[in-house]
Protein backbone atom coordinates (compact mmCIF):
# COMPACT_ATOMS: atom_id res chain seq x y z
CA GLN A 1 0.00 0.00 0.00
CA THR A 2 1.27 3.43 -0.89
CA CYS A 3 1.09 6.10 1.80
CA VAL A 4 2.51 9.57 2.41
CA VAL A 5 5.58 10.15 4.62
CA PHE A 6 7.47 13.25 5.67
CA SER A 7 11.11 13.25 4.56
CA GLU A 8 13.41 15.27 6.84
CA GLU A 9 16.10 15.31 4.14
CA LEU A 10 13.80 16.60 1.39
CA LYS A 11 11.68 18.73 3.79
CA CYS A 12 8.44 17.64 2.12
CA TRP A 13 5.70 15.01 2.08
CA CYS A 14 6.39 12.15 -0.36
CA ARG A 15 4.56 9.08 -1.59
CA ALA A 16 6.15 5.91 -0.25
CA VAL A 17 5.75 2.16 0.11
CA ILE A 18 6.51 0.79 3.58
CA LYS A 19 9.11 -2.00 3.48
CA SER A 20 9.67 -2.79 7.16
CA ILE A 21 8.80 -1.61 10.66
CA MET A 22 11.07 -1.75 13.72
CA TYR A 23 10.74 -0.60 17.30
CA CYS A 24 13.30 1.89 18.62
CA THR A 25 13.65 3.05 22.23
CA ASP A 26 10.46 5.11 22.37
CA HIS A 27 8.87 4.95 18.92
CA TYR A 28 8.39 2.84 15.81
CA GLN A 29 10.56 3.52 12.80
CA THR A 30 9.69 2.39 9.28
CA GLU A 31 11.85 1.83 6.23
CA CYS A 32 10.10 3.33 3.21
CA PHE A 33 10.75 3.39 -0.53
CA LEU A 34 10.01 6.85 -1.96
CA VAL A 35 8.26 6.12 -5.25
CA ASP A 36 8.97 9.56 -6.73
CA TYR A 37 12.65 9.70 -5.73
CA ALA A 38 13.65 6.00 -5.97
CA LYS A 39 15.38 6.01 -2.60
CA TYR A 40 14.96 4.30 0.75
CA ILE A 41 14.58 6.33 3.94
CA PHE A 42 13.68 5.73 7.59
CA VAL A 43 10.81 7.71 9.11
CA LYS A 44 9.08 7.75 12.48
CA SER A 45 5.60 6.27 12.52
CA LYS A 46 4.14 9.67 13.50
CA ASP A 47 5.30 11.01 10.11
CA ILE A 48 3.15 8.59 8.07
CA ARG A 49 -0.27 9.52 6.66
CA ILE A 50 -2.91 7.95 4.46
CA ALA A 51 -2.74 9.41 0.96
CA LEU A 52 -5.67 11.28 -0.58
CA GLU A 53 -7.02 9.67 -3.75
CA ALA A 54 -6.22 12.75 -5.87
CA PHE A 55 -2.59 12.63 -4.69
CA MET A 56 -2.34 8.97 -5.72
CA GLN A 57 -3.57 9.68 -9.27
CA ILE A 58 -0.36 11.55 -10.16
CA PRO A 59 2.00 9.19 -12.06
CA TYR A 60 5.15 8.11 -10.20
CA ARG A 61 8.32 9.93 -11.26
CA ALA A 62 10.55 6.94 -10.55
CA LYS A 63 10.10 3.26 -11.27
CA LYS A 64 11.87 0.21 -9.95
CA CYS A 65 13.52 -1.61 -12.82
CA ARG A 66 16.11 -4.23 -13.61
CA LEU A 67 18.93 -4.31 -16.10
CA TYR A 68 18.27 -7.34 -18.27
CA ARG A 69 21.03 -9.97 -17.99
CA THR A 70 23.28 -7.66 -15.95
CA LYS A 71 24.99 -9.75 -13.27
CA PRO A 72 26.69 -8.43 -10.13
CA VAL A 73 30.46 -8.76 -9.88
CA THR A 74 32.97 -8.07 -7.16
CA LEU A 75 36.71 -7.62 -6.89
CA ARG A 76 38.45 -10.56 -5.21
CA ILE A 77 41.92 -9.77 -3.88
CA ASP A 78 44.38 -12.54 -3.06
CA PHE A 79 47.05 -11.06 -0.80
CA CYS A 80 49.17 -14.23 -0.83
CA GLU A 81 49.51 -14.25 -4.63
CA ASP A 82 49.31 -10.45 -4.93
CA THR A 83 46.52 -10.61 -7.53
CA ALA A 84 43.08 -9.13 -8.03
CA LYS A 85 40.29 -10.55 -10.20
CA ILE A 86 36.75 -9.51 -11.02
CA VAL A 87 34.50 -12.49 -10.22
CA PRO A 88 30.72 -13.12 -10.20
CA ALA A 89 28.92 -12.23 -6.98
CA LYS A 90 25.58 -13.26 -5.48
CA ARG A 91 24.44 -9.66 -4.93
CA TRP A 92 25.48 -6.09 -5.72
CA ASP A 93 27.90 -4.62 -3.20
CA SER A 94 27.67 -1.00 -2.08
CA ALA A 95 30.63 0.17 -4.19
CA ALA A 96 29.13 -1.23 -7.40
CA THR A 97 25.74 0.27 -6.59
CA ARG A 98 27.28 3.69 -5.88
CA TYR A 99 29.33 3.52 -9.11
CA PHE A 100 26.20 2.70 -11.12
CA GLN A 101 24.22 5.54 -9.50
CA ASN A 102 27.04 7.97 -10.36
CA LEU A 103 26.91 6.80 -13.99
CA LEU A 104 23.18 7.52 -14.09
CA LYS A 105 23.65 11.05 -12.72
């Protein structure tokens, strides 16, 4: 379900999909995917609202997508042999994700 959350970083209300909820010391905190900015943020439960129908009719500015047949790789360093190789990985690491996001910008 899509709802509206307040982003401290963007200083505005944004449409979001809630991914997970966790309890902190005195409040609940939720991980949300901002559908118009394609980024994940954490917000307090008090900063979540039900979206008005008119607000939900606006098309999303960002869409989740996949790169067809693009496989994650990682750099494996062997200190004993003093070599480095690019090898297949099970998931994208943070450096590869950051590099790809910089290419898109």
